């Protein structure tokens, strides 16, 4: 191979390499364009995702706020009902306490009256016993007087006969 042929072969190879390089550059340009488009799409997707996430966050915050508000209302309602029921129970307890005190006072009065009646019964029992004893004495005296009277009548009859 001559120098000229060698140079021509080198030139062909360099030309082929330049063509390959040009094709590679074009492909790289296309790839850069595609990468730019992909970056734009990724940016768009990111933006859409961010908007969607923000929207979901907002919805969640609103829902949480709504649930929180409902819970507060429910708690307030239950607390109010509990206070009302507790007041009713407390009022009933106070009423029952007053009734029990009244019953205790009446019982004490009844106990005092019973004690007084018991003492009166004992007194009456003692008086009856005393009256019985007096009656027995009176009966003996009456019997004794009746006997004397009979004896005196008999003596008077005897004296009248004489």
N, C-alpha and C. Protein backbone atom coordinates (compact mmCIF):
# COMPACT_ATOMS: atom_id res chain seq x y z
N UNK A 1 0.81 -1.16 0.00
CA UNK A 1 0.00 0.00 0.00
C UNK A 1 0.86 1.24 0.00
N UNK A 2 0.38 2.08 -0.82
CA UNK A 2 1.16 3.29 -1.01
C UNK A 2 0.72 4.31 0.02
N UNK A 3 1.51 5.32 0.04
CA UNK A 3 1.19 6.37 1.02
C UNK A 3 -0.16 7.01 0.69
N UNK A 4 -0.33 7.18 -0.57
CA UNK A 4 -1.57 7.81 -1.00
C UNK A 4 -2.75 6.93 -0.65
N UNK A 5 -2.63 5.71 -0.85
CA UNK A 5 -3.71 4.78 -0.54
C UNK A 5 -3.91 4.72 0.97
N UNK A 6 -2.82 4.77 1.64
CA UNK A 6 -2.90 4.74 3.08
C UNK A 6 -3.59 6.00 3.58
N UNK A 7 -3.24 7.10 2.99
CA UNK A 7 -3.87 8.37 3.39
C UNK A 7 -5.34 8.35 3.04
N UNK A 8 -5.65 7.83 1.91
CA UNK A 8 -7.05 7.76 1.51
C UNK A 8 -7.82 6.83 2.42
N UNK A 9 -7.27 5.75 2.85
CA UNK A 9 -7.93 4.83 3.76
C UNK A 9 -8.12 5.51 5.11
N UNK A 10 -7.06 6.27 5.53
CA UNK A 10 -7.17 6.97 6.82
C UNK A 10 -8.25 8.04 6.69
N UNK A 11 -8.25 8.74 5.55
CA UNK A 11 -9.24 9.78 5.32
C UNK A 11 -10.64 9.20 5.32
N UNK A 12 -10.81 8.07 4.73
CA UNK A 12 -12.13 7.43 4.72
C UNK A 12 -12.54 7.06 6.14
N UNK A 13 -11.59 6.53 6.87
CA UNK A 13 -11.90 6.14 8.24
C UNK A 13 -12.22 7.38 9.07
N UNK A 14 -11.42 8.45 8.89
CA UNK A 14 -11.67 9.70 9.64
C UNK A 14 -13.03 10.24 9.23
N UNK A 15 -13.37 10.19 7.95
CA UNK A 15 -14.66 10.67 7.46
C UNK A 15 -15.77 9.83 8.07
N UNK A 16 -15.56 8.53 8.10
CA UNK A 16 -16.56 7.64 8.69
C UNK A 16 -16.71 7.94 10.17
N UNK A 17 -15.56 8.20 10.81
CA UNK A 17 -15.59 8.51 12.25
C UNK A 17 -16.32 9.84 12.45
N UNK A 18 -16.06 10.82 11.57
CA UNK A 18 -16.71 12.12 11.66
C UNK A 18 -18.21 11.96 11.46
N UNK A 19 -18.60 11.10 10.49
CA UNK A 19 -20.02 10.86 10.24
C UNK A 19 -20.65 10.22 11.48
N UNK A 20 -19.92 9.21 12.01
CA UNK A 20 -20.41 8.54 13.23
C UNK A 20 -20.52 9.56 14.37
N UNK A 21 -19.49 10.42 14.42
CA UNK A 21 -19.48 11.42 15.49
C UNK A 21 -20.65 12.39 15.29
N UNK A 22 -20.89 12.78 14.04
CA UNK A 22 -22.00 13.68 13.73
C UNK A 22 -23.32 13.01 14.06
N UNK A 23 -23.45 11.75 13.73
CA UNK A 23 -24.67 11.00 14.03
C UNK A 23 -24.84 10.90 15.53
N UNK A 24 -23.72 10.66 16.24
CA UNK A 24 -23.76 10.57 17.70
C UNK A 24 -24.16 11.92 18.28
N UNK A 25 -23.62 13.00 17.72
CA UNK A 25 -23.98 14.33 18.19
C UNK A 25 -25.47 14.59 17.98
N UNK A 26 -25.96 14.19 16.81
CA UNK A 26 -27.38 14.38 16.53
C UNK A 26 -28.22 13.56 17.49
N UNK A 27 -27.80 12.32 17.73
CA UNK A 27 -28.53 11.47 18.67
C UNK A 27 -28.47 12.07 20.07
N UNK A 28 -27.32 12.62 20.44
CA UNK A 28 -27.17 13.26 21.75
C UNK A 28 -28.07 14.49 21.83
N UNK A 29 -28.17 15.23 20.76
CA UNK A 29 -29.06 16.40 20.72
C UNK A 29 -30.50 15.97 20.91
N UNK A 30 -30.87 14.89 20.20
CA UNK A 30 -32.23 14.36 20.33
C UNK A 30 -32.46 13.89 21.77
N UNK A 31 -31.43 13.21 22.31
CA UNK A 31 -31.54 12.73 23.68
C UNK A 31 -31.66 13.90 24.66
N UNK A 32 -30.89 14.98 24.37
CA UNK A 32 -30.97 16.15 25.24
C UNK A 32 -32.37 16.75 25.16
N UNK A 33 -32.90 16.81 23.93
CA UNK A 33 -34.26 17.33 23.77
C UNK A 33 -35.26 16.44 24.53
N UNK A 34 -35.10 15.13 24.38
CA UNK A 34 -35.99 14.20 25.07
C UNK A 34 -35.84 14.33 26.58
N UNK A 35 -34.57 14.51 27.03
CA UNK A 35 -34.33 14.68 28.46
C UNK A 35 -34.96 15.98 28.95
N UNK A 36 -34.87 17.01 28.14
CA UNK A 36 -35.52 18.28 28.49
C UNK A 36 -37.02 18.10 28.62
N UNK A 37 -37.60 17.36 27.63
CA UNK A 37 -39.04 17.07 27.68
C UNK A 37 -39.38 16.24 28.93
N UNK A 38 -38.52 15.27 29.21
CA UNK A 38 -38.75 14.43 30.39
C UNK A 38 -38.66 15.28 31.66
N UNK A 39 -37.68 16.20 31.70
CA UNK A 39 -37.55 17.08 32.86
C UNK A 39 -38.81 17.93 33.02
N UNK A 40 -39.31 18.42 31.88
CA UNK A 40 -40.53 19.21 31.93
C UNK A 40 -41.70 18.36 32.44
N UNK A 41 -41.78 17.13 31.91
CA UNK A 41 -42.85 16.23 32.36
C UNK A 41 -42.70 15.91 33.85
N UNK A 42 -41.47 15.65 34.27
CA UNK A 42 -41.22 15.37 35.70
C UNK A 42 -41.61 16.58 36.53
N UNK A 43 -41.22 17.76 36.05
CA UNK A 43 -41.60 19.00 36.75
C UNK A 43 -43.10 19.15 36.81
N UNK A 44 -43.76 18.85 35.70
CA UNK A 44 -45.22 18.93 35.64
C UNK A 44 -45.86 17.92 36.60
N UNK A 45 -45.33 16.70 36.58
CA UNK A 45 -45.85 15.66 37.48
C UNK A 45 -45.62 16.06 38.93
N UNK A 46 -44.41 16.59 39.20
CA UNK A 46 -44.12 17.06 40.57
C UNK A 46 -45.11 18.14 40.99
N UNK A 47 -45.33 19.07 40.07
CA UNK A 47 -46.25 20.16 40.35
C UNK A 47 -47.65 19.62 40.62
N UNK A 48 -48.09 18.68 39.75
CA UNK A 48 -49.41 18.08 39.93
C UNK A 48 -49.49 17.32 41.25
N UNK A 49 -48.42 16.55 41.55
CA UNK A 49 -48.39 15.82 42.81
C UNK A 49 -48.43 16.76 44.00
N UNK A 50 -47.65 17.86 43.91
CA UNK A 50 -47.63 18.84 44.99
C UNK A 50 -49.02 19.44 45.17
N UNK A 51 -49.65 19.80 44.04
CA UNK A 51 -51.00 20.35 44.12
C UNK A 51 -51.97 19.33 44.73
N UNK A 52 -51.85 18.09 44.30
CA UNK A 52 -52.73 17.02 44.82
C UNK A 52 -52.48 16.80 46.31
N UNK A 53 -51.20 16.77 46.69
CA UNK A 53 -50.85 16.60 48.11
C UNK A 53 -51.39 17.77 48.92
N UNK A 54 -51.21 18.99 48.40
CA UNK A 54 -51.73 20.17 49.10
C UNK A 54 -53.25 20.10 49.22
N UNK A 55 -53.89 19.66 48.15
CA UNK A 55 -55.35 19.53 48.16
C UNK A 55 -55.79 18.49 49.19
N UNK A 56 -55.10 17.34 49.21
CA UNK A 56 -55.43 16.28 50.17
C UNK A 56 -55.18 16.78 51.60
N UNK A 57 -54.05 17.50 51.79
CA UNK A 57 -53.76 18.06 53.12
C UNK A 57 -54.87 19.00 53.56
N UNK A 58 -55.29 19.87 52.64
CA UNK A 58 -56.35 20.81 52.95
C UNK A 58 -57.64 20.08 53.31
N UNK A 59 -57.97 19.06 52.50
CA UNK A 59 -59.17 18.27 52.77
C UNK A 59 -59.06 17.58 54.13
N UNK A 60 -57.87 17.02 54.40
CA UNK A 60 -57.66 16.35 55.69
C UNK A 60 -57.79 17.34 56.84
N UNK A 61 -57.18 18.54 56.68
CA UNK A 61 -57.29 19.55 57.73
C UNK A 61 -58.74 19.93 57.96
N UNK A 62 -59.47 20.11 56.86
CA UNK A 62 -60.89 20.45 56.98
C UNK A 62 -61.66 19.32 57.66
N UNK A 63 -61.38 18.10 57.24
CA UNK A 63 -62.06 16.93 57.82
C UNK A 63 -61.72 16.79 59.31
N UNK A 64 -60.42 16.96 59.62
CA UNK A 64 -59.99 16.88 61.02
C UNK A 64 -60.66 17.99 61.82
N UNK A 65 -60.71 19.18 61.26
CA UNK A 65 -61.38 20.30 61.92
C UNK A 65 -62.84 20.00 62.15
N UNK A 66 -63.48 19.43 61.14
CA UNK A 66 -64.90 19.08 61.25
C UNK A 66 -65.11 18.02 62.32
N UNK A 67 -64.27 16.97 62.28
CA UNK A 67 -64.38 15.90 63.29
C UNK A 67 -64.11 16.47 64.68
N UNK A 68 -63.10 17.31 64.78
CA UNK A 68 -62.76 17.93 66.06
C UNK A 68 -63.94 18.75 66.58
N UNK A 69 -64.55 19.51 65.67
CA UNK A 69 -65.70 20.33 66.03
C UNK A 69 -66.87 19.45 66.48
N UNK A 70 -67.12 18.37 65.72
CA UNK A 70 -68.19 17.44 66.09
C UNK A 70 -67.92 16.80 67.44
N UNK A 71 -66.66 16.41 67.67
CA UNK A 71 -66.30 15.81 68.96
C UNK A 71 -66.49 16.81 70.10
N UNK A 72 -66.08 18.05 69.87
CA UNK A 72 -66.27 19.08 70.91
C UNK A 72 -67.75 19.26 71.21
N UNK A 73 -68.57 19.31 70.16
CA UNK A 73 -70.01 19.46 70.36
C UNK A 73 -70.57 18.25 71.12
N UNK A 74 -70.15 17.05 70.72
CA UNK A 74 -70.63 15.83 71.37
C UNK A 74 -70.19 15.81 72.83
N UNK A 75 -68.93 16.14 73.07
CA UNK A 75 -68.41 16.18 74.45
C UNK A 75 -69.18 17.21 75.26
N UNK A 76 -69.41 18.37 74.66
CA UNK A 76 -70.15 19.43 75.34
C UNK A 76 -71.57 18.96 75.66
N UNK A 77 -72.19 18.29 74.69
CA UNK A 77 -73.55 17.78 74.89
C UNK A 77 -73.58 16.73 76.00
N UNK A 78 -72.63 15.80 75.96
CA UNK A 78 -72.56 14.74 76.99
C UNK A 78 -72.29 15.38 78.35
N UNK A 79 -71.38 16.34 78.38
CA UNK A 79 -71.06 17.03 79.64
C UNK A 79 -72.30 17.73 80.18
N UNK A 80 -73.04 18.39 79.29
CA UNK A 80 -74.26 19.09 79.70
C UNK A 80 -75.29 18.10 80.24
N UNK A 81 -75.48 16.99 79.51
CA UNK A 81 -76.42 15.96 79.98
C UNK A 81 -75.98 15.40 81.32
N UNK A 82 -74.68 15.17 81.46
CA UNK A 82 -74.15 14.63 82.72
C UNK A 82 -74.40 15.62 83.85
N UNK A 83 -74.16 16.91 83.58
CA UNK A 83 -74.40 17.92 84.61
C UNK A 83 -75.86 17.94 85.02
N UNK A 84 -76.76 17.85 84.03
CA UNK A 84 -78.19 17.85 84.33
C UNK A 84 -78.56 16.62 85.16
N UNK A 85 -78.08 15.45 84.74
CA UNK A 85 -78.38 14.23 85.48
C UNK A 85 -77.77 14.27 86.87
N UNK A 86 -76.55 14.78 86.96
CA UNK A 86 -75.89 14.88 88.26
C UNK A 86 -76.67 15.83 89.17
N UNK A 87 -77.16 16.94 88.60
CA UNK A 87 -77.96 17.88 89.39
C UNK A 87 -79.23 17.20 89.87
N UNK A 88 -79.88 16.44 88.99
CA UNK A 88 -81.09 15.72 89.39
C UNK A 88 -80.79 14.72 90.51
N UNK A 89 -79.70 13.99 90.36
CA UNK A 89 -79.31 13.01 91.39
C UNK A 89 -79.00 13.74 92.70
N UNK A 90 -78.29 14.85 92.58
CA UNK A 90 -77.93 15.62 93.78
C UNK A 90 -79.19 16.17 94.45
N UNK A 91 -80.10 16.72 93.65
CA UNK A 91 -81.36 17.22 94.20
C UNK A 91 -82.14 16.09 94.89
N UNK A 92 -82.21 14.93 94.23
CA UNK A 92 -82.91 13.78 94.81
C UNK A 92 -82.23 13.34 96.09
N UNK A 93 -80.90 13.36 96.10
CA UNK A 93 -80.15 12.99 97.30
C UNK A 93 -80.45 13.96 98.44
N UNK A 94 -80.48 15.25 98.11
CA UNK A 94 -80.81 16.25 99.14
C UNK A 94 -82.22 16.04 99.67
N UNK A 95 -83.16 15.78 98.76
CA UNK A 95 -84.54 15.53 99.17
C UNK A 95 -84.61 14.29 100.07
N UNK A 96 -83.92 13.23 99.64
CA UNK A 96 -83.91 12.00 100.45
C UNK A 96 -83.28 12.25 101.81
N UNK A 97 -82.22 13.07 101.83
CA UNK A 97 -81.56 13.39 103.10
C UNK A 97 -82.53 14.13 104.03
N UNK A 98 -83.27 15.08 103.46
CA UNK A 98 -84.25 15.81 104.27
C UNK A 98 -85.33 14.86 104.79
N UNK A 99 -85.79 13.97 103.91
CA UNK A 99 -86.81 13.01 104.32
C UNK A 99 -86.29 12.10 105.43
N UNK A 100 -85.06 11.64 105.28
CA UNK A 100 -84.47 10.77 106.31
C UNK A 100 -84.33 11.52 107.62
N UNK A 101 -83.90 12.78 107.54
CA UNK A 101 -83.79 13.57 108.77
C UNK A 101 -85.16 13.75 109.42
N UNK A 102 -86.18 14.00 108.58
CA UNK A 102 -87.54 14.15 109.11
C UNK A 102 -87.99 12.85 109.76
N UNK A 103 -87.71 11.71 109.10
CA UNK A 103 -88.07 10.40 109.66
C UNK A 103 -87.34 10.17 110.98
N UNK A 104 -86.06 10.53 111.02
CA UNK A 104 -85.27 10.35 112.25
C UNK A 104 -85.86 11.23 113.36
N UNK A 105 -86.19 12.50 113.02
CA UNK A 105 -86.79 13.39 114.02
C UNK A 105 -88.12 12.82 114.53
N UNK A 106 -88.94 12.34 113.60
CA UNK A 106 -90.22 11.73 113.99
C UNK A 106 -90.00 10.50 114.85
N UNK A 107 -88.99 9.72 114.48
CA UNK A 107 -88.69 8.51 115.26
C UNK A 107 -88.27 8.89 116.68
N UNK A 108 -87.45 9.95 116.77
CA UNK A 108 -87.03 10.41 118.10
C UNK A 108 -88.24 10.89 118.90
N UNK A 109 -89.15 11.63 118.22
CA UNK A 109 -90.38 12.07 118.89
C UNK A 109 -91.20 10.86 119.32
N UNK A 110 -91.32 9.88 118.42
CA UNK A 110 -92.09 8.67 118.73
C UNK A 110 -91.44 7.92 119.89
N UNK A 111 -90.11 7.84 119.87
CA UNK A 111 -89.40 7.17 120.97
C UNK A 111 -89.67 7.89 122.29
N UNK A 112 -89.65 9.24 122.25
CA UNK A 112 -89.91 10.01 123.47
C UNK A 112 -91.34 9.78 123.95
N UNK A 113 -92.30 9.79 123.00
CA UNK A 113 -93.70 9.53 123.38
C UNK A 113 -93.86 8.13 123.93
N UNK A 114 -93.19 7.16 123.30
CA UNK A 114 -93.27 5.77 123.78
C UNK A 114 -92.68 5.67 125.18
N UNK A 115 -91.57 6.37 125.39
CA UNK A 115 -90.94 6.38 126.72
C UNK A 115 -91.91 6.96 127.74
N UNK A 116 -92.56 8.07 127.35
CA UNK A 116 -93.53 8.72 128.24
C UNK A 116 -94.71 7.79 128.51
N UNK A 117 -95.21 7.15 127.44
CA UNK A 117 -96.33 6.21 127.62
C UNK A 117 -95.92 5.03 128.50
N UNK A 118 -94.70 4.56 128.31
CA UNK A 118 -94.20 3.46 129.13
C UNK A 118 -94.17 3.87 130.60
N UNK A 119 -93.69 5.08 130.84
CA UNK A 119 -93.66 5.57 132.22
C UNK A 119 -95.07 5.72 132.78
N UNK A 120 -95.99 6.23 131.93
CA UNK A 120 -97.39 6.37 132.35
C UNK A 120 -98.00 5.02 132.66
N UNK A 121 -97.71 4.03 131.80
CA UNK A 121 -98.24 2.68 132.02
C UNK A 121 -97.70 2.12 133.34
N UNK A 122 -96.40 2.32 133.60
CA UNK A 122 -95.82 1.84 134.86
C UNK A 122 -96.47 2.55 136.05
N UNK A 123 -96.70 3.85 135.87
CA UNK A 123 -97.34 4.63 136.95
C UNK A 123 -98.75 4.13 137.19
N UNK A 124 -99.52 3.95 136.08
CA UNK A 124 -100.89 3.46 136.19
C UNK A 124 -100.89 2.06 136.79
N UNK A 125 -99.93 1.24 136.36
CA UNK A 125 -99.82 -0.12 136.90
C UNK A 125 -99.58 -0.06 138.42
N UNK A 126 -98.69 0.86 138.80
CA UNK A 126 -98.43 1.03 140.24
C UNK A 126 -99.66 1.51 140.97
N UNK A 127 -100.37 2.46 140.36
CA UNK A 127 -101.59 2.97 140.99
C UNK A 127 -102.64 1.89 141.09
N UNK A 128 -102.78 1.09 140.03
CA UNK A 128 -103.76 -0.02 140.06
C UNK A 128 -103.39 -1.00 141.15
N UNK A 129 -102.10 -1.31 141.25
CA UNK A 129 -101.67 -2.24 142.30
C UNK A 129 -101.98 -1.65 143.68
N UNK A 130 -101.73 -0.34 143.82
CA UNK A 130 -102.03 0.33 145.08
C UNK A 130 -103.53 0.32 145.34
N UNK A 131 -104.32 0.58 144.27
CA UNK A 131 -105.78 0.56 144.42
C UNK A 131 -106.28 -0.83 144.79
N UNK A 132 -105.68 -1.86 144.17
CA UNK A 132 -106.07 -3.24 144.51
C UNK A 132 -105.78 -3.51 145.97
N UNK A 133 -104.60 -3.09 146.40
CA UNK A 133 -104.21 -3.30 147.78
C UNK A 133 -105.18 -2.56 148.71
N UNK A 134 -105.50 -1.31 148.32
CA UNK A 134 -106.46 -0.51 149.11
C UNK A 134 -107.84 -1.14 149.09
N UNK A 135 -108.22 -1.66 147.92
CA UNK A 135 -109.52 -2.30 147.80
C UNK A 135 -109.58 -3.54 148.67
N UNK A 136 -108.50 -4.31 148.67
CA UNK A 136 -108.46 -5.51 149.51
C UNK A 136 -108.61 -5.11 150.98
N UNK A 137 -107.93 -4.03 151.38
CA UNK A 137 -108.04 -3.56 152.76
C UNK A 137 -109.47 -3.10 153.06
N UNK A 138 -110.03 -2.38 152.05
CA UNK A 138 -111.41 -1.91 152.22
C UNK A 138 -112.37 -3.09 152.32
N UNK A 139 -112.10 -4.11 151.45
CA UNK A 139 -112.95 -5.31 151.49
C UNK A 139 -112.87 -5.97 152.86
N UNK A 140 -111.68 -6.06 153.43
CA UNK A 140 -111.51 -6.68 154.75
C UNK A 140 -112.23 -5.85 155.82
N UNK A 141 -112.07 -4.51 155.70
CA UNK A 141 -112.73 -3.64 156.67
C UNK A 141 -114.23 -3.77 156.54
N UNK A 142 -114.72 -3.77 155.27
CA UNK A 142 -116.15 -3.90 155.02
C UNK A 142 -116.65 -5.24 155.55
N UNK A 143 -115.88 -6.27 155.32
CA UNK A 143 -116.26 -7.59 155.81
C UNK A 143 -116.31 -7.59 157.34
N UNK A 144 -115.31 -6.96 157.90
CA UNK A 144 -115.25 -6.90 159.35
C UNK A 144 -116.42 -6.08 159.89
N UNK A 145 -116.74 -4.96 159.20
CA UNK A 145 -117.86 -4.13 159.64
C UNK A 145 -119.18 -4.87 159.44
N UNK A 146 -119.26 -5.59 158.33
CA UNK A 146 -120.48 -6.36 158.08
C UNK A 146 -120.66 -7.39 159.18
N UNK A 147 -119.59 -8.02 159.60
CA UNK A 147 -119.66 -9.03 160.65
C UNK A 147 -120.08 -8.36 161.96
N UNK A 148 -119.54 -7.23 162.25
CA UNK A 148 -119.90 -6.53 163.48
C UNK A 148 -121.37 -6.12 163.43
N UNK A 149 -121.75 -5.63 162.25
CA UNK A 149 -123.13 -5.20 162.10
C UNK A 149 -124.07 -6.37 162.34
N UNK A 150 -123.72 -7.52 161.79
CA UNK A 150 -124.54 -8.72 161.99
C UNK A 150 -124.55 -9.10 163.48
N UNK A 151 -123.39 -9.01 164.05
CA UNK A 151 -123.31 -9.35 165.49
C UNK A 151 -124.15 -8.38 166.30
N UNK A 152 -124.07 -7.10 165.93
CA UNK A 152 -124.83 -6.11 166.68
C UNK A 152 -126.32 -6.28 166.44
N UNK A 153 -126.70 -6.61 165.23
CA UNK A 153 -128.11 -6.87 164.95
C UNK A 153 -128.59 -8.06 165.76
N UNK A 154 -127.76 -9.07 165.80
CA UNK A 154 -128.12 -10.25 166.57
C UNK A 154 -128.27 -9.86 168.04
N UNK A 155 -127.38 -9.11 168.56
CA UNK A 155 -127.45 -8.68 169.95
C UNK A 155 -128.68 -7.82 170.17
N UNK A 156 -128.99 -6.96 169.23
CA UNK A 156 -130.18 -6.11 169.34
C UNK A 156 -131.43 -6.97 169.32
N UNK A 157 -131.50 -7.94 168.53
CA UNK A 157 -132.65 -8.84 168.48
C UNK A 157 -132.75 -9.60 169.81
N UNK A 158 -131.58 -9.99 170.23
CA UNK A 158 -131.60 -10.72 171.51
C UNK A 158 -132.07 -9.78 172.62
N UNK A 159 -131.64 -8.56 172.57
CA UNK A 159 -132.03 -7.61 173.60
C UNK A 159 -133.51 -7.26 173.45
N UNK A 160 -134.01 -7.21 172.30
CA UNK A 160 -135.41 -6.90 172.05
C UNK A 160 -136.26 -8.07 172.56
N UNK A 161 -135.85 -9.19 172.52
CA UNK A 161 -136.59 -10.36 172.98
C UNK A 161 -136.60 -10.36 174.50
N UNK A 162 -135.76 -9.84 175.09
CA UNK A 162 -135.76 -9.85 176.53
C UNK A 162 -136.62 -8.76 177.01
